[in-house]
Amino acid sequence: MKLSPRKINTFLLFKLPSAYLTGVRVKTISETECISTVKHRWINQNPFNSMFWAVQGMAAELSTGALVMAKIKESNTSISMLVANNNASFLKKARGRIEFKCSDGMLLDKAIKKTIATGEGQTIWMESEGVDSSGDVVSRFKFEWTLKKR
């Protein structure tokens, strides 16, 4: 059973309610990429009339983390996942609907295969870029995911 946007969004409601309440949702997920969205609203604003940086971080992390969850599920192996590090750049005020896209599915495949084959923990940096409705990049997030066979 593959992970779908609906299943992931239901997971958010019960396991990450702060992300769900602020409007973070998975739009699409495939073998190679995941797109999450969030719309600037009263609940996720900052005092500068744009989206709070942490809400952008939740949407960006979800676009990477949903891929990790899907790939682990697909491997049929018990693998733990954890963010060890992250960094972000903010290029423009985030207003309106922002889409965060991560296209690192192929890199993730290699790390999971190596974890399964060697039993050693692996780390992988995954990037998510936030784009507004005008096509302008508003932020870029990088997350260092650690994978370890249980």
C-alpha atoms as a PDB file:
ATOM      1  CA  MET A   1       0.000   0.000   0.000  1.00  0.00           C
ATOM      2  CA  LYS A   2       1.559   3.266  -1.181  1.00  0.00           C
ATOM      3  CA  LEU A   3       1.380   6.512   0.706  1.00  0.00           C
ATOM      4  CA  SER A   4      -1.025   8.992  -0.852  1.00  0.00           C
ATOM      5  CA  PRO A   5      -1.504  12.703  -0.145  1.00  0.00           C
ATOM      6  CA  ARG A   6      -4.767  11.883   1.627  1.00  0.00           C
ATOM      7  CA  LYS A   7      -3.102   9.345   3.957  1.00  0.00           C
ATOM      8  CA  ILE A   8      -0.249  11.720   4.762  1.00  0.00           C
ATOM      9  CA  ASN A   9      -2.630  14.632   5.412  1.00  0.00           C
ATOM     10  CA  THR A  10      -4.700  12.437   7.759  1.00  0.00           C
ATOM     11  CA  PHE A  11      -1.451  11.478   9.522  1.00  0.00           C
ATOM     12  CA  LEU A  12      -0.761  15.205   9.971  1.00  0.00           C
ATOM     13  CA  LEU A  13      -4.126  15.769  11.635  1.00  0.00           C
ATOM     14  CA  PHE A  14      -3.451  13.148  14.314  1.00  0.00           C
ATOM     15  CA  LYS A  15       0.342  13.181  14.708  1.00  0.00           C
ATOM     16  CA  LEU A  16       1.372  16.745  13.747  1.00  0.00           C
ATOM     17  CA  PRO A  17      -1.671  18.885  14.535  1.00  0.00           C
ATOM     18  CA  SER A  18       0.277  22.163  14.517  1.00  0.00           C
ATOM     19  CA  ALA A  19       1.196  21.583  10.867  1.00  0.00           C
ATOM     20  CA  TYR A  20      -2.375  20.583  10.007  1.00  0.00           C
ATOM     21  CA  LEU A  21      -3.945  23.582  11.790  1.00  0.00           C
ATOM     22  CA  THR A  22      -1.630  26.038  10.058  1.00  0.00           C
ATOM     23  CA  GLY A  23      -2.676  24.665   6.652  1.00  0.00           C
ATOM     24  CA  VAL A  24       0.308  22.515   5.658  1.00  0.00           C
ATOM     25  CA  ARG A  25      -0.755  19.772   3.218  1.00  0.00           C
ATOM     26  CA  VAL A  26       0.829  17.310   0.800  1.00  0.00           C
ATOM     27  CA  LYS A  27      -0.364  18.029  -2.722  1.00  0.00           C
ATOM     28  CA  THR A  28       1.397  15.275  -4.682  1.00  0.00           C
ATOM     29  CA  ILE A  29       3.894  12.497  -4.025  1.00  0.00           C
ATOM     30  CA  SER A  30       5.652  10.237  -6.519  1.00  0.00           C
ATOM     31  CA  GLU A  31       8.750   8.038  -6.681  1.00  0.00           C
ATOM     32  CA  THR A  32      11.018  11.032  -7.240  1.00  0.00           C
ATOM     33  CA  GLU A  33       9.343  14.096  -5.752  1.00  0.00           C
ATOM     34  CA  CYS A  34       6.880  15.463  -3.238  1.00  0.00           C
ATOM     35  CA  ILE A  35       5.052  18.793  -3.252  1.00  0.00           C
ATOM     36  CA  SER A  36       3.543  20.290  -0.126  1.00  0.00           C
ATOM     37  CA  THR A  37       1.581  23.526   0.057  1.00  0.00           C
ATOM     38  CA  VAL A  38       0.597  26.104   2.635  1.00  0.00           C
ATOM     39  CA  LYS A  39      -1.402  29.309   2.247  1.00  0.00           C
ATOM     40  CA  HIS A  40      -0.644  32.531   4.098  1.00  0.00           C
ATOM     41  CA  ARG A  41      -3.519  33.021   6.556  1.00  0.00           C
ATOM     42  CA  TRP A  42      -4.161  34.666   9.905  1.00  0.00           C
ATOM     43  CA  ILE A  43      -3.154  31.520  11.855  1.00  0.00           C
ATOM     44  CA  ASN A  44       0.323  31.313  10.269  1.00  0.00           C
ATOM     45  CA  GLN A  45       1.255  34.963   9.854  1.00  0.00           C
ATOM     46  CA  ASN A  46       4.081  36.930  11.401  1.00  0.00           C
ATOM     47  CA  PRO A  47       3.971  40.645  12.382  1.00  0.00           C
ATOM     48  CA  PHE A  48       5.439  41.601   8.974  1.00  0.00           C
ATOM     49  CA  ASN A  49       2.376  40.573   6.915  1.00  0.00           C
ATOM     50  CA  SER A  50       3.894  37.356   5.597  1.00  0.00           C
ATOM     51  CA  MET A  51       4.090  33.696   6.577  1.00  0.00           C
ATOM     52  CA  PHE A  52       5.945  32.798   9.766  1.00  0.00           C
ATOM     53  CA  TRP A  53       9.266  31.110   8.995  1.00  0.00           C
ATOM     54  CA  ALA A  54       8.476  28.042  11.117  1.00  0.00           C
ATOM     55  CA  VAL A  55       5.323  27.305   9.098  1.00  0.00           C
ATOM     56  CA  GLN A  56       7.413  27.420   5.936  1.00  0.00           C
ATOM     57  CA  GLY A  57       9.836  25.049   7.667  1.00  0.00           C
ATOM     58  CA  MET A  58       7.047  22.586   8.488  1.00  0.00           C
ATOM     59  CA  ALA A  59       5.858  22.558   4.862  1.00  0.00           C
ATOM     60  CA  ALA A  60       9.408  22.196   3.556  1.00  0.00           C
ATOM     61  CA  GLU A  61      10.257  19.406   5.999  1.00  0.00           C
ATOM     62  CA  LEU A  62       7.052  17.598   5.075  1.00  0.00           C
ATOM     63  CA  SER A  63       8.000  17.584   1.388  1.00  0.00           C
ATOM     64  CA  THR A  64      11.266  15.834   2.271  1.00  0.00           C
ATOM     65  CA  GLY A  65       9.968  13.696   5.138  1.00  0.00           C
ATOM     66  CA  ALA A  66       6.992  12.327   3.209  1.00  0.00           C
ATOM     67  CA  LEU A  67       9.431  11.045   0.571  1.00  0.00           C
ATOM     68  CA  VAL A  68      11.549   9.412   3.281  1.00  0.00           C
ATOM     69  CA  MET A  69       8.464   7.774   4.846  1.00  0.00           C
ATOM     70  CA  ALA A  70       7.250   6.515   1.461  1.00  0.00           C
ATOM     71  CA  LYS A  71      10.639   5.060   0.507  1.00  0.00           C
ATOM     72  CA  ILE A  72      11.055   3.328   3.883  1.00  0.00           C
ATOM     73  CA  LYS A  73       7.557   1.846   3.598  1.00  0.00           C
ATOM     74  CA  GLU A  74       8.351   0.677   0.057  1.00  0.00           C
ATOM     75  CA  SER A  75      11.557  -1.044   1.246  1.00  0.00           C
ATOM     76  CA  ASN A  76       9.648  -3.300   3.703  1.00  0.00           C
ATOM     77  CA  THR A  77      12.518  -2.823   6.156  1.00  0.00           C
ATOM     78  CA  SER A  78      12.396  -1.305   9.631  1.00  0.00           C
ATOM     79  CA  ILE A  79      14.414   1.896   9.272  1.00  0.00           C
ATOM     80  CA  SER A  80      14.406   4.833  11.662  1.00  0.00           C
ATOM     81  CA  MET A  81      14.443   8.383  10.315  1.00  0.00           C
ATOM     82  CA  LEU A  82      15.386  11.616  12.044  1.00  0.00           C
ATOM     83  CA  VAL A  83      16.369  15.147  11.053  1.00  0.00           C
ATOM     84  CA  ALA A  84      19.885  15.770  12.360  1.00  0.00           C
ATOM     85  CA  ASN A  85      20.463  19.228  10.917  1.00  0.00           C
ATOM     86  CA  ASN A  86      18.846  21.868   8.744  1.00  0.00           C
ATOM     87  CA  ASN A  87      19.437  25.279   7.256  1.00  0.00           C
ATOM     88  CA  ALA A  88      17.290  27.782   5.437  1.00  0.00           C
ATOM     89  CA  SER A  89      17.464  30.869   3.249  1.00  0.00           C
ATOM     90  CA  PHE A  90      14.631  33.366   2.937  1.00  0.00           C
ATOM     91  CA  LEU A  91      14.605  35.323  -0.309  1.00  0.00           C
ATOM     92  CA  LYS A  92      11.208  37.044  -0.411  1.00  0.00           C
ATOM     93  CA  LYS A  93       8.168  37.548   1.823  1.00  0.00           C
ATOM     94  CA  ALA A  94       5.930  34.485   1.672  1.00  0.00           C
ATOM     95  CA  ARG A  95       2.399  35.593   0.787  1.00  0.00           C
ATOM     96  CA  GLY A  96      -0.431  33.679  -0.843  1.00  0.00           C
ATOM     97  CA  ARG A  97      -0.087  29.951  -1.542  1.00  0.00           C
ATOM     98  CA  ILE A  98       3.465  28.608  -1.331  1.00  0.00           C
ATOM     99  CA  GLU A  99       4.467  25.251  -2.864  1.00  0.00           C
ATOM    100  CA  PHE A 100       7.465  23.402  -1.480  1.00  0.00           C
ATOM    101  CA  LYS A 101       8.990  20.871  -3.835  1.00  0.00           C
ATOM    102  CA  CYS A 102      11.583  18.215  -3.066  1.00  0.00           C
ATOM    103  CA  SER A 103      12.928  16.175  -5.993  1.00  0.00           C
ATOM    104  CA  ASP A 104      15.512  14.064  -4.152  1.00  0.00           C
ATOM    105  CA  GLY A 105      13.784  10.677  -4.413  1.00  0.00           C
ATOM    106  CA  MET A 106      16.620   9.113  -6.423  1.00  0.00           C
ATOM    107  CA  LEU A 107      19.274  10.190  -3.884  1.00  0.00           C
ATOM    108  CA  LEU A 108      17.118   8.725  -1.157  1.00  0.00           C
ATOM    109  CA  ASP A 109      16.894   5.383  -2.983  1.00  0.00           C
ATOM    110  CA  LYS A 110      20.690   5.053  -2.873  1.00  0.00           C
ATOM    111  CA  ALA A 111      20.894   5.870   0.845  1.00  0.00           C
ATOM    112  CA  ILE A 112      18.155   3.388   1.790  1.00  0.00           C
ATOM    113  CA  LYS A 113      19.723   0.618  -0.315  1.00  0.00           C
ATOM    114  CA  LYS A 114      23.084   1.247   1.338  1.00  0.00           C
ATOM    115  CA  THR A 115      21.508   1.236   4.811  1.00  0.00           C
ATOM    116  CA  ILE A 116      19.818  -2.095   4.104  1.00  0.00           C
ATOM    117  CA  ALA A 117      22.921  -3.651   2.505  1.00  0.00           C
ATOM    118  CA  THR A 118      25.465  -2.558   5.119  1.00  0.00           C
ATOM    119  CA  GLY A 119      23.329  -2.117   8.235  1.00  0.00           C
ATOM    120  CA  GLU A 120      25.152   1.152   8.830  1.00  0.00           C
ATOM    121  CA  GLY A 121      23.404   4.459   9.365  1.00  0.00           C
ATOM    122  CA  GLN A 122      23.349   6.863   6.444  1.00  0.00           C
ATOM    123  CA  THR A 123      22.825  10.595   6.178  1.00  0.00           C
ATOM    124  CA  ILE A 124      21.404  12.450   3.231  1.00  0.00           C
ATOM    125  CA  TRP A 125      20.840  16.151   2.619  1.00  0.00           C
ATOM    126  CA  MET A 126      17.505  16.854   0.944  1.00  0.00           C
ATOM    127  CA  GLU A 127      16.430  20.256  -0.389  1.00  0.00           C
ATOM    128  CA  SER A 128      12.989  21.800  -0.619  1.00  0.00           C
ATOM    129  CA  GLU A 129      12.333  25.033  -2.469  1.00  0.00           C
ATOM    130  CA  GLY A 130       9.310  27.235  -1.710  1.00  0.00           C
ATOM    131  CA  VAL A 131       7.757  29.048  -4.669  1.00  0.00           C
ATOM    132  CA  ASP A 132       4.858  31.517  -4.651  1.00  0.00           C
ATOM    133  CA  SER A 133       2.060  31.775  -7.224  1.00  0.00           C
ATOM    134  CA  SER A 134       4.151  34.194  -9.314  1.00  0.00           C
ATOM    135  CA  GLY A 135       6.898  31.589  -9.656  1.00  0.00           C
ATOM    136  CA  ASP A 136       9.289  33.471  -7.378  1.00  0.00           C
ATOM    137  CA  VAL A 137      11.390  31.473  -4.922  1.00  0.00           C
ATOM    138  CA  VAL A 138      10.557  32.660  -1.402  1.00  0.00           C
ATOM    139  CA  SER A 139      12.687  30.226   0.619  1.00  0.00           C
ATOM    140  CA  ARG A 140      15.005  27.228   0.392  1.00  0.00           C
ATOM    141  CA  PHE A 141      15.368  24.639   3.114  1.00  0.00           C
ATOM    142  CA  LYS A 142      17.903  21.831   3.432  1.00  0.00           C
ATOM    143  CA  PHE A 143      17.391  18.951   5.856  1.00  0.00           C
ATOM    144  CA  GLU A 144      19.979  16.357   6.848  1.00  0.00           C
ATOM    145  CA  TRP A 145      18.036  13.113   7.335  1.00  0.00           C
ATOM    146  CA  THR A 146      19.629  10.207   9.166  1.00  0.00           C
ATOM    147  CA  LEU A 147      18.547   6.680   8.278  1.00  0.00           C
ATOM    148  CA  LYS A 148      19.376   3.675  10.415  1.00  0.00           C
ATOM    149  CA  LYS A 149      18.294   0.065  10.157  1.00  0.00           C
ATOM    150  CA  ARG A 150      16.598  -1.116  13.342  1.00  0.00           C
END
